Amino acid sequence: MPTYDFQCKNKHVTEAIVNYSDMKKGIDCPDCDEKALRIFSFAESSPRPTFGYDMSKFNQREQHRKSMKGSQLNQNCPP
């Protein structure tokens, strides 16, 4: 089962392993027993989203590829 982050109205953040239907309903906060709803957060190792982010590896490669001129495009290809 996947891991989701939840936050209650008292701002307690909890990480829980729950199934999809429980994720949609929310869970009870273990600190204050209030209803905690799912929040979206990013892993600390990846503080930025990769999709649509200008400095993702894919976008860096595409920018480099577009900056190359005719003969430079085929230099790394075997004959």
PDB file of N, CA and C in Angstrom:
ATOM      1  N   MET A   1       0.835  -1.186   0.000  1.00  0.00           N
ATOM      2  CA  MET A   1       0.000   0.000   0.000  1.00  0.00           C
ATOM      3  C   MET A   1       0.878   1.248   0.000  1.00  0.00           C
ATOM      4  N   PRO A   2       0.390   2.314  -0.611  1.00  0.00           N
ATOM      5  CA  PRO A   2       1.188   3.543  -0.679  1.00  0.00           C
ATOM      6  C   PRO A   2       1.172   4.330   0.636  1.00  0.00           C
ATOM      7  N   THR A   3       2.150   5.205   0.750  1.00  0.00           N
ATOM      8  CA  THR A   3       2.264   6.086   1.908  1.00  0.00           C
ATOM      9  C   THR A   3       1.745   7.467   1.532  1.00  0.00           C
ATOM     10  N   TYR A   4       0.905   8.046   2.377  1.00  0.00           N
ATOM     11  CA  TYR A   4       0.345   9.375   2.138  1.00  0.00           C
ATOM     12  C   TYR A   4       0.616  10.264   3.345  1.00  0.00           C
ATOM     13  N   ASP A   5       0.652  11.573   3.110  1.00  0.00           N
ATOM     14  CA  ASP A   5       0.790  12.547   4.185  1.00  0.00           C
ATOM     15  C   ASP A   5      -0.581  13.146   4.473  1.00  0.00           C
ATOM     16  N   PHE A   6      -0.874  13.320   5.760  1.00  0.00           N
ATOM     17  CA  PHE A   6      -2.150  13.881   6.194  1.00  0.00           C
ATOM     18  C   PHE A   6      -1.883  15.027   7.149  1.00  0.00           C
ATOM     19  N   GLN A   7      -2.813  16.005   7.181  1.00  0.00           N
ATOM     20  CA  GLN A   7      -2.693  17.131   8.106  1.00  0.00           C
ATOM     21  C   GLN A   7      -4.071  17.438   8.682  1.00  0.00           C
ATOM     22  N   CYS A   8      -4.119  17.626  10.000  1.00  0.00           N
ATOM     23  CA  CYS A   8      -5.377  17.972  10.659  1.00  0.00           C
ATOM     24  C   CYS A   8      -5.496  19.493  10.767  1.00  0.00           C
ATOM     25  N   LYS A   9      -6.632  19.958  11.281  1.00  0.00           N
ATOM     26  CA  LYS A   9      -6.834  21.409  11.382  1.00  0.00           C
ATOM     27  C   LYS A   9      -5.906  22.050  12.418  1.00  0.00           C
ATOM     28  N   ASN A  10      -5.315  21.238  13.307  1.00  0.00           N
ATOM     29  CA  ASN A  10      -4.349  21.741  14.291  1.00  0.00           C
ATOM     30  C   ASN A  10      -2.919  21.742  13.742  1.00  0.00           C
ATOM     31  N   LYS A  11      -2.788  21.478  12.452  1.00  0.00           N
ATOM     32  CA  LYS A  11      -1.507  21.521  11.722  1.00  0.00           C
ATOM     33  C   LYS A  11      -0.555  20.386  12.084  1.00  0.00           C
ATOM     34  N   HIS A  12      -1.064  19.289  12.639  1.00  0.00           N
ATOM     35  CA  HIS A  12      -0.222  18.107  12.868  1.00  0.00           C
ATOM     36  C   HIS A  12      -0.105  17.364  11.540  1.00  0.00           C
ATOM     37  N   VAL A  13       1.109  17.046  11.135  1.00  0.00           N
ATOM     38  CA  VAL A  13       1.331  16.310   9.888  1.00  0.00           C
ATOM     39  C   VAL A  13       1.698  14.877  10.238  1.00  0.00           C
ATOM     40  N   THR A  14       1.020  13.935   9.579  1.00  0.00           N
ATOM     41  CA  THR A  14       1.215  12.520   9.838  1.00  0.00           C
ATOM     42  C   THR A  14       1.418  11.790   8.531  1.00  0.00           C
ATOM     43  N   GLU A  15       2.332  10.860   8.513  1.00  0.00           N
ATOM     44  CA  GLU A  15       2.545   9.998   7.354  1.00  0.00           C
ATOM     45  C   GLU A  15       1.946   8.641   7.691  1.00  0.00           C
ATOM     46  N   ALA A  16       1.112   8.115   6.779  1.00  0.00           N
ATOM     47  CA  ALA A  16       0.436   6.858   7.064  1.00  0.00           C
ATOM     48  C   ALA A  16       0.370   5.983   5.818  1.00  0.00           C
ATOM     49  N   ILE A  17       0.406   4.686   6.043  1.00  0.00           N
ATOM     50  CA  ILE A  17       0.237   3.716   4.964  1.00  0.00           C
ATOM     51  C   ILE A  17      -1.233   3.304   4.971  1.00  0.00           C
ATOM     52  N   VAL A  18      -1.967   3.751   3.961  1.00  0.00           N
ATOM     53  CA  VAL A  18      -3.401   3.463   3.890  1.00  0.00           C
ATOM     54  C   VAL A  18      -3.788   3.090   2.465  1.00  0.00           C
ATOM     55  N   ASN A  19      -4.926   2.436   2.328  1.00  0.00           N
ATOM     56  CA  ASN A  19      -5.394   2.113   0.989  1.00  0.00           C
ATOM     57  C   ASN A  19      -6.043   3.345   0.354  1.00  0.00           C
ATOM     58  N   TYR A  20      -6.379   3.225  -0.922  1.00  0.00           N
ATOM     59  CA  TYR A  20      -6.867   4.368  -1.686  1.00  0.00           C
ATOM     60  C   TYR A  20      -8.175   4.929  -1.128  1.00  0.00           C
ATOM     61  N   SER A  21      -9.113   4.072  -0.764  1.00  0.00           N
ATOM     62  CA  SER A  21     -10.400   4.565  -0.265  1.00  0.00           C
ATOM     63  C   SER A  21     -10.240   5.297   1.069  1.00  0.00           C
ATOM     64  N   ASP A  22      -9.350   4.809   1.946  1.00  0.00           N
ATOM     65  CA  ASP A  22      -9.109   5.513   3.212  1.00  0.00           C
ATOM     66  C   ASP A  22      -8.388   6.833   2.982  1.00  0.00           C
ATOM     67  N   MET A  23      -7.539   6.874   1.963  1.00  0.00           N
ATOM     68  CA  MET A  23      -6.838   8.120   1.644  1.00  0.00           C
ATOM     69  C   MET A  23      -7.847   9.194   1.260  1.00  0.00           C
ATOM     70  N   LYS A  24      -8.865   8.835   0.504  1.00  0.00           N
ATOM     71  CA  LYS A  24      -9.869   9.810   0.081  1.00  0.00           C
ATOM     72  C   LYS A  24     -10.724  10.289   1.248  1.00  0.00           C
ATOM     73  N   LYS A  25     -11.002   9.409   2.218  1.00  0.00           N
ATOM     74  CA  LYS A  25     -11.833   9.769   3.373  1.00  0.00           C
ATOM     75  C   LYS A  25     -11.049  10.556   4.415  1.00  0.00           C
ATOM     76  N   GLY A  26      -9.749  10.292   4.522  1.00  0.00           N
ATOM     77  CA  GLY A  26      -8.944  10.902   5.563  1.00  0.00           C
ATOM     78  C   GLY A  26      -8.774   9.943   6.730  1.00  0.00           C
ATOM     79  N   ILE A  27      -7.951  10.319   7.676  1.00  0.00           N
ATOM     80  CA  ILE A  27      -7.701   9.487   8.851  1.00  0.00           C
ATOM     81  C   ILE A  27      -7.877  10.334  10.102  1.00  0.00           C
ATOM     82  N   ASP A  28      -7.877   9.698  11.252  1.00  0.00           N
ATOM     83  CA  ASP A  28      -7.892  10.421  12.523  1.00  0.00           C
ATOM     84  C   ASP A  28      -6.457  10.736  12.918  1.00  0.00           C
ATOM     85  N   CYS A  29      -6.218  11.987  13.298  1.00  0.00           N
ATOM     86  CA  CYS A  29      -4.879  12.413  13.705  1.00  0.00           C
ATOM     87  C   CYS A  29      -4.473  11.654  14.971  1.00  0.00           C
ATOM     88  N   PRO A  30      -3.287  11.041  14.982  1.00  0.00           N
ATOM     89  CA  PRO A  30      -2.855  10.319  16.179  1.00  0.00           C
ATOM     90  C   PRO A  30      -2.531  11.239  17.360  1.00  0.00           C
ATOM     91  N   ASP A  31      -2.295  12.538  17.100  1.00  0.00           N
ATOM     92  CA  ASP A  31      -1.951  13.467  18.173  1.00  0.00           C
ATOM     93  C   ASP A  31      -3.172  14.061  18.873  1.00  0.00           C
ATOM     94  N   CYS A  32      -4.226  14.393  18.084  1.00  0.00           N
ATOM     95  CA  CYS A  32      -5.366  15.095  18.688  1.00  0.00           C
ATOM     96  C   CYS A  32      -6.721  14.477  18.347  1.00  0.00           C
ATOM     97  N   ASP A  33      -6.739  13.386  17.598  1.00  0.00           N
ATOM     98  CA  ASP A  33      -7.965  12.684  17.206  1.00  0.00           C
ATOM     99  C   ASP A  33      -8.909  13.498  16.325  1.00  0.00           C
ATOM    100  N   GLU A  34      -8.432  14.585  15.728  1.00  0.00           N
ATOM    101  CA  GLU A  34      -9.224  15.334  14.753  1.00  0.00           C
ATOM    102  C   GLU A  34      -9.105  14.648  13.397  1.00  0.00           C
ATOM    103  N   LYS A  35      -9.999  14.963  12.476  1.00  0.00           N
ATOM    104  CA  LYS A  35      -9.948  14.412  11.137  1.00  0.00           C
ATOM    105  C   LYS A  35      -8.768  15.035  10.386  1.00  0.00           C
ATOM    106  N   ALA A  36      -7.921  14.190   9.813  1.00  0.00           N
ATOM    107  CA  ALA A  36      -6.766  14.662   9.045  1.00  0.00           C
ATOM    108  C   ALA A  36      -6.995  14.326   7.579  1.00  0.00           C
ATOM    109  N   LEU A  37      -6.821  15.308   6.712  1.00  0.00           N
ATOM    110  CA  LEU A  37      -7.016  15.132   5.279  1.00  0.00           C
ATOM    111  C   LEU A  37      -5.670  15.041   4.569  1.00  0.00           C
ATOM    112  N   ARG A  38      -5.688  14.427   3.419  1.00  0.00           N
ATOM    113  CA  ARG A  38      -4.453  14.231   2.667  1.00  0.00           C
ATOM    114  C   ARG A  38      -3.901  15.564   2.193  1.00  0.00           C
ATOM    115  N   ILE A  39      -2.585  15.700   2.288  1.00  0.00           N
ATOM    116  CA  ILE A  39      -1.883  16.860   1.739  1.00  0.00           C
ATOM    117  C   ILE A  39      -0.860  16.349   0.736  1.00  0.00           C
ATOM    118  N   PHE A  40      -0.445  17.203  -0.163  1.00  0.00           N
ATOM    119  CA  PHE A  40       0.574  16.847  -1.138  1.00  0.00           C
ATOM    120  C   PHE A  40       1.888  17.460  -0.693  1.00  0.00           C
ATOM    121  N   SER A  41       2.904  16.630  -0.601  1.00  0.00           N
ATOM    122  CA  SER A  41       4.210  17.112  -0.186  1.00  0.00           C
ATOM    123  C   SER A  41       5.273  16.476  -1.062  1.00  0.00           C
ATOM    124  N   PHE A  42       6.455  17.032  -1.054  1.00  0.00           N
ATOM    125  CA  PHE A  42       7.567  16.525  -1.842  1.00  0.00           C
ATOM    126  C   PHE A  42       8.604  15.925  -0.911  1.00  0.00           C
ATOM    127  N   ALA A  43       9.281  14.909  -1.393  1.00  0.00           N
ATOM    128  CA  ALA A  43      10.349  14.299  -0.609  1.00  0.00           C
ATOM    129  C   ALA A  43      11.471  15.319  -0.429  1.00  0.00           C
ATOM    130  N   GLU A  44      12.159  15.235   0.700  1.00  0.00           N
ATOM    131  CA  GLU A  44      13.236  16.194   0.965  1.00  0.00           C
ATOM    132  C   GLU A  44      14.375  16.048  -0.024  1.00  0.00           C
ATOM    133  N   SER A  45      14.566  14.843  -0.565  1.00  0.00           N
ATOM    134  CA  SER A  45      15.640  14.652  -1.536  1.00  0.00           C
ATOM    135  C   SER A  45      15.289  15.269  -2.879  1.00  0.00           C
ATOM    136  N   SER A  46      14.011  15.533  -3.126  1.00  0.00           N
ATOM    137  CA  SER A  46      13.570  16.128  -4.382  1.00  0.00           C
ATOM    138  C   SER A  46      12.617  17.277  -4.074  1.00  0.00           C
ATOM    139  N   PRO A  47      13.148  18.445  -3.694  1.00  0.00           N
ATOM    140  CA  PRO A  47      12.281  19.522  -3.255  1.00  0.00           C
ATOM    141  C   PRO A  47      11.450  20.159  -4.359  1.00  0.00           C
ATOM    142  N   ARG A  48      11.754  19.868  -5.622  1.00  0.00           N
ATOM    143  CA  ARG A  48      11.003  20.459  -6.717  1.00  0.00           C
ATOM    144  C   ARG A  48      10.344  19.366  -7.541  1.00  0.00           C
ATOM    145  N   PRO A  49       9.187  19.639  -8.082  1.00  0.00           N
ATOM    146  CA  PRO A  49       8.580  18.650  -8.958  1.00  0.00           C
ATOM    147  C   PRO A  49       9.396  18.496 -10.231  1.00  0.00           C
ATOM    148  N   THR A  50       9.412  17.316 -10.813  1.00  0.00           N
ATOM    149  CA  THR A  50      10.201  17.113 -12.029  1.00  0.00           C
ATOM    150  C   THR A  50       9.412  17.446 -13.278  1.00  0.00           C
ATOM    151  N   PHE A  51       8.101  17.283 -13.269  1.00  0.00           N
ATOM    152  CA  PHE A  51       7.312  17.569 -14.456  1.00  0.00           C
ATOM    153  C   PHE A  51       7.105  19.071 -14.589  1.00  0.00           C
ATOM    154  N   GLY A  52       7.503  19.626 -15.715  1.00  0.00           N
ATOM    155  CA  GLY A  52       7.309  21.039 -15.964  1.00  0.00           C
ATOM    156  C   GLY A  52       8.364  21.936 -15.348  1.00  0.00           C
ATOM    157  N   TYR A  53       9.269  21.387 -14.589  1.00  0.00           N
ATOM    158  CA  TYR A  53      10.330  22.183 -13.965  1.00  0.00           C
ATOM    159  C   TYR A  53      11.437  22.407 -14.978  1.00  0.00           C
ATOM    160  N   ASP A  54      11.829  23.650 -15.199  1.00  0.00           N
ATOM    161  CA  ASP A  54      12.776  23.994 -16.264  1.00  0.00           C
ATOM    162  C   ASP A  54      14.136  23.327 -16.123  1.00  0.00           C
ATOM    163  N   MET A  55      14.566  23.024 -14.916  1.00  0.00           N
ATOM    164  CA  MET A  55      15.901  22.473 -14.741  1.00  0.00           C
ATOM    165  C   MET A  55      15.891  20.960 -14.542  1.00  0.00           C
ATOM    166  N   SER A  56      14.811  20.272 -14.917  1.00  0.00           N
ATOM    167  CA  SER A  56      14.820  18.817 -14.840  1.00  0.00           C
ATOM    168  C   SER A  56      15.824  18.287 -15.862  1.00  0.00           C
ATOM    169  N   LYS A  57      16.300  17.078 -15.666  1.00  0.00           N
ATOM    170  CA  LYS A  57      17.299  16.501 -16.577  1.00  0.00           C
ATOM    171  C   LYS A  57      16.783  16.460 -18.012  1.00  0.00           C
ATOM    172  N   PHE A  58      15.510  16.100 -18.192  1.00  0.00           N
ATOM    173  CA  PHE A  58      14.951  16.039 -19.537  1.00  0.00           C
ATOM    174  C   PHE A  58      15.004  17.407 -20.206  1.00  0.00           C
ATOM    175  N   ASN A  59      14.567  18.452 -19.487  1.00  0.00           N
ATOM    176  CA  ASN A  59      14.570  19.794 -20.076  1.00  0.00           C
ATOM    177  C   ASN A  59      15.975  20.299 -20.324  1.00  0.00           C
ATOM    178  N   GLN A  60      16.939  19.947 -19.468  1.00  0.00           N
ATOM    179  CA  GLN A  60      18.324  20.337 -19.712  1.00  0.00           C
ATOM    180  C   GLN A  60      18.848  19.695 -20.985  1.00  0.00           C
ATOM    181  N   ARG A  61      18.549  18.397 -21.182  1.00  0.00           N
ATOM    182  CA  ARG A  61      18.994  17.714 -22.403  1.00  0.00           C
ATOM    183  C   ARG A  61      18.340  18.304 -23.644  1.00  0.00           C
ATOM    184  N   GLU A  62      17.055  18.616 -23.536  1.00  0.00           N
ATOM    185  CA  GLU A  62      16.352  19.185 -24.691  1.00  0.00           C
ATOM    186  C   GLU A  62      16.908  20.562 -25.044  1.00  0.00           C
ATOM    187  N   GLN A  63      17.191  21.382 -24.052  1.00  0.00           N
ATOM    188  CA  GLN A  63      17.775  22.698 -24.319  1.00  0.00           C
ATOM    189  C   GLN A  63      19.136  22.549 -24.980  1.00  0.00           C
ATOM    190  N   HIS A  64      19.935  21.596 -24.502  1.00  0.00           N
ATOM    191  CA  HIS A  64      21.249  21.355 -25.087  1.00  0.00           C
ATOM    192  C   HIS A  64      21.109  20.864 -26.531  1.00  0.00           C
ATOM    193  N   ARG A  65      20.184  19.935 -26.754  1.00  0.00           N
ATOM    194  CA  ARG A  65      19.974  19.394 -28.094  1.00  0.00           C
ATOM    195  C   ARG A  65      19.528  20.480 -29.064  1.00  0.00           C
ATOM    196  N   LYS A  66      18.639  21.360 -28.619  1.00  0.00           N
ATOM    197  CA  LYS A  66      18.147  22.426 -29.487  1.00  0.00           C
ATOM    198  C   LYS A  66      19.212  23.479 -29.775  1.00  0.00           C
ATOM    199  N   SER A  67      20.204  23.596 -28.900  1.00  0.00           N
ATOM    200  CA  SER A  67      21.252  24.594 -29.113  1.00  0.00           C
ATOM    201  C   SER A  67      22.332  24.099 -30.080  1.00  0.00           C
ATOM    202  N   MET A  68      22.337  22.805 -30.384  1.00  0.00           N
ATOM    203  CA  MET A  68      23.348  22.239 -31.280  1.00  0.00           C
ATOM    204  C   MET A  68      23.031  22.586 -32.737  1.00  0.00           C
ATOM    205  N   LYS A  69      24.077  22.694 -33.543  1.00  0.00           N
ATOM    206  CA  LYS A  69      23.938  22.985 -34.971  1.00  0.00           C
ATOM    207  C   LYS A  69      24.089  21.687 -35.763  1.00  0.00           C
ATOM    208  N   GLY A  70      23.689  21.682 -37.005  1.00  0.00           N
ATOM    209  CA  GLY A  70      23.659  20.547 -37.912  1.00  0.00           C
ATOM    210  C   GLY A  70      24.603  19.390 -37.648  1.00  0.00           C
ATOM    211  N   SER A  71      25.915  19.554 -37.888  1.00  0.00           N
ATOM    212  CA  SER A  71      26.854  18.441 -37.775  1.00  0.00           C
ATOM    213  C   SER A  71      27.084  18.021 -36.323  1.00  0.00           C
ATOM    214  N   GLN A  72      26.860  18.884 -35.362  1.00  0.00           N
ATOM    215  CA  GLN A  72      27.034  18.542 -33.957  1.00  0.00           C
ATOM    216  C   GLN A  72      26.007  17.512 -33.492  1.00  0.00           C
ATOM    217  N   LEU A  73      24.857  17.496 -34.123  1.00  0.00           N
ATOM    218  CA  LEU A  73      23.797  16.577 -33.718  1.00  0.00           C
ATOM    219  C   LEU A  73      24.182  15.120 -33.910  1.00  0.00           C
ATOM    220  N   ASN A  74      24.988  14.828 -34.920  1.00  0.00           N
ATOM    221  CA  ASN A  74      25.313  13.435 -35.242  1.00  0.00           C
ATOM    222  C   ASN A  74      26.727  13.026 -34.835  1.00  0.00           C
ATOM    223  N   GLN A  75      27.435  13.814 -34.046  1.00  0.00           N
ATOM    224  CA  GLN A  75      28.828  13.498 -33.690  1.00  0.00           C
ATOM    225  C   GLN A  75      28.916  12.249 -32.828  1.00  0.00           C
ATOM    226  N   ASN A  76      27.974  12.002 -31.952  1.00  0.00           N
ATOM    227  CA  ASN A  76      28.055  10.866 -31.045  1.00  0.00           C
ATOM    228  C   ASN A  76      27.480   9.577 -31.632  1.00  0.00           C
ATOM    229  N   CYS A  77      26.911   9.654 -32.814  1.00  0.00           N
ATOM    230  CA  CYS A  77      26.310   8.487 -33.442  1.00  0.00           C
ATOM    231  C   CYS A  77      27.368   7.706 -34.224  1.00  0.00           C
ATOM    232  N   PRO A  78      27.366   6.366 -34.153  1.00  0.00           N
ATOM    233  CA  PRO A  78      28.321   5.592 -34.944  1.00  0.00           C
ATOM    234  C   PRO A  78      27.966   5.673 -36.430  1.00  0.00           C
ATOM    235  N   PRO A  79      28.964   5.585 -37.313  1.00  0.00           N
ATOM    236  CA  PRO A  79      28.693   5.712 -38.765  1.00  0.00           C
ATOM    237  C   PRO A  79      27.922   4.546 -39.309  1.00  0.00           C
TER     238      PRO A  79
END
